[in-house]
Amino acid sequence: MSGVIFLFFVISLLLFIGAFHYFKLLQQSASYPPKKIVKQKVNVLASAGVIMLLIGIMLIYFQ
């Protein structure tokens, strides 16, 4: 069970790193990809990261 919990935390970490990467890309003045698409990617990755983190915390709590 601890391997599954570890997996959820690693996935959430990777999703947060991806969100941070796209957030940094959003701050640049590059024209491609469009900022609307980058904002959507940041929102999706950060939301998925929070969900995975909460699942991991709940699994630790109920273990």
C-alpha atoms as a PDB file:
ATOM      1  CA  MET A   1       0.000   0.000   0.000  1.00  0.00           C
ATOM      2  CA  SER A   2       2.880   2.368   0.684  1.00  0.00           C
ATOM      3  CA  GLY A   3       4.022   1.972  -2.923  1.00  0.00           C
ATOM      4  CA  VAL A   4       0.647   3.163  -4.173  1.00  0.00           C
ATOM      5  CA  ILE A   5       0.743   6.163  -1.843  1.00  0.00           C
ATOM      6  CA  PHE A   6       4.271   6.973  -3.010  1.00  0.00           C
ATOM      7  CA  LEU A   7       3.083   6.740  -6.617  1.00  0.00           C
ATOM      8  CA  PHE A   8       0.305   9.277  -5.985  1.00  0.00           C
ATOM      9  CA  PHE A   9       2.798  11.706  -4.435  1.00  0.00           C
ATOM     10  CA  VAL A  10       5.258  11.285  -7.320  1.00  0.00           C
ATOM     11  CA  ILE A  11       2.507  11.843  -9.895  1.00  0.00           C
ATOM     12  CA  SER A  12       1.347  14.968  -8.054  1.00  0.00           C
ATOM     13  CA  LEU A  13       4.928  16.253  -7.937  1.00  0.00           C
ATOM     14  CA  LEU A  14       5.340  15.702 -11.682  1.00  0.00           C
ATOM     15  CA  LEU A  15       2.055  17.468 -12.391  1.00  0.00           C
ATOM     16  CA  PHE A  16       3.107  20.454 -10.258  1.00  0.00           C
ATOM     17  CA  ILE A  17       6.456  20.597 -12.068  1.00  0.00           C
ATOM     18  CA  GLY A  18       4.614  20.613 -15.398  1.00  0.00           C
ATOM     19  CA  ALA A  19       2.284  23.358 -14.200  1.00  0.00           C
ATOM     20  CA  PHE A  20       5.274  25.411 -13.036  1.00  0.00           C
ATOM     21  CA  HIS A  21       6.966  24.921 -16.416  1.00  0.00           C
ATOM     22  CA  TYR A  22       3.926  26.167 -18.321  1.00  0.00           C
ATOM     23  CA  PHE A  23       3.480  29.019 -15.843  1.00  0.00           C
ATOM     24  CA  LYS A  24       7.045  30.149 -16.554  1.00  0.00           C
ATOM     25  CA  LEU A  25       6.296  29.848 -20.284  1.00  0.00           C
ATOM     26  CA  LEU A  26       3.221  32.019 -19.751  1.00  0.00           C
ATOM     27  CA  GLN A  27       5.407  34.789 -18.296  1.00  0.00           C
ATOM     28  CA  GLN A  28       7.562  34.945 -21.435  1.00  0.00           C
ATOM     29  CA  SER A  29       6.629  37.112 -24.365  1.00  0.00           C
ATOM     30  CA  ALA A  30       6.625  34.209 -26.822  1.00  0.00           C
ATOM     31  CA  SER A  31       3.737  34.150 -29.268  1.00  0.00           C
ATOM     32  CA  TYR A  32       3.511  30.360 -29.657  1.00  0.00           C
ATOM     33  CA  PRO A  33       1.677  28.531 -28.152  1.00  0.00           C
ATOM     34  CA  PRO A  34      -1.136  31.020 -27.543  1.00  0.00           C
ATOM     35  CA  LYS A  35      -1.443  32.241 -23.975  1.00  0.00           C
ATOM     36  CA  LYS A  36      -5.009  30.935 -23.730  1.00  0.00           C
ATOM     37  CA  ILE A  37      -3.795  27.379 -24.391  1.00  0.00           C
ATOM     38  CA  VAL A  38      -0.938  27.752 -21.913  1.00  0.00           C
ATOM     39  CA  LYS A  39      -3.341  29.022 -19.220  1.00  0.00           C
ATOM     40  CA  GLN A  40      -5.573  26.006 -19.797  1.00  0.00           C
ATOM     41  CA  LYS A  41      -2.591  23.662 -19.459  1.00  0.00           C
ATOM     42  CA  VAL A  42      -1.527  25.342 -16.215  1.00  0.00           C
ATOM     43  CA  ASN A  43      -5.054  25.029 -14.801  1.00  0.00           C
ATOM     44  CA  VAL A  44      -5.436  21.374 -15.794  1.00  0.00           C
ATOM     45  CA  LEU A  45      -2.009  20.306 -14.521  1.00  0.00           C
ATOM     46  CA  ALA A  46      -2.324  22.193 -11.231  1.00  0.00           C
ATOM     47  CA  SER A  47      -5.847  20.861 -10.629  1.00  0.00           C
ATOM     48  CA  ALA A  48      -4.781  17.298 -11.354  1.00  0.00           C
ATOM     49  CA  GLY A  49      -1.787  17.766  -9.050  1.00  0.00           C
ATOM     50  CA  VAL A  50      -4.017  18.913  -6.209  1.00  0.00           C
ATOM     51  CA  ILE A  51      -6.375  15.980  -6.739  1.00  0.00           C
ATOM     52  CA  MET A  52      -3.518  13.456  -6.723  1.00  0.00           C
ATOM     53  CA  LEU A  53      -2.041  15.076  -3.624  1.00  0.00           C
ATOM     54  CA  LEU A  54      -5.387  14.917  -1.808  1.00  0.00           C
ATOM     55  CA  ILE A  55      -5.832  11.257  -2.771  1.00  0.00           C
ATOM     56  CA  GLY A  56      -2.354  10.507  -1.430  1.00  0.00           C
ATOM     57  CA  ILE A  57      -3.090  12.314   1.838  1.00  0.00           C
ATOM     58  CA  MET A  58      -6.413  10.495   2.211  1.00  0.00           C
ATOM     59  CA  LEU A  59      -4.700   7.140   1.641  1.00  0.00           C
ATOM     60  CA  ILE A  60      -2.139   7.967   4.338  1.00  0.00           C
ATOM     61  CA  TYR A  61      -4.947   8.978   6.693  1.00  0.00           C
ATOM     62  CA  PHE A  62      -6.974   5.795   6.136  1.00  0.00           C
ATOM     63  CA  GLN A  63      -4.004   3.439   6.135  1.00  0.00           C
END
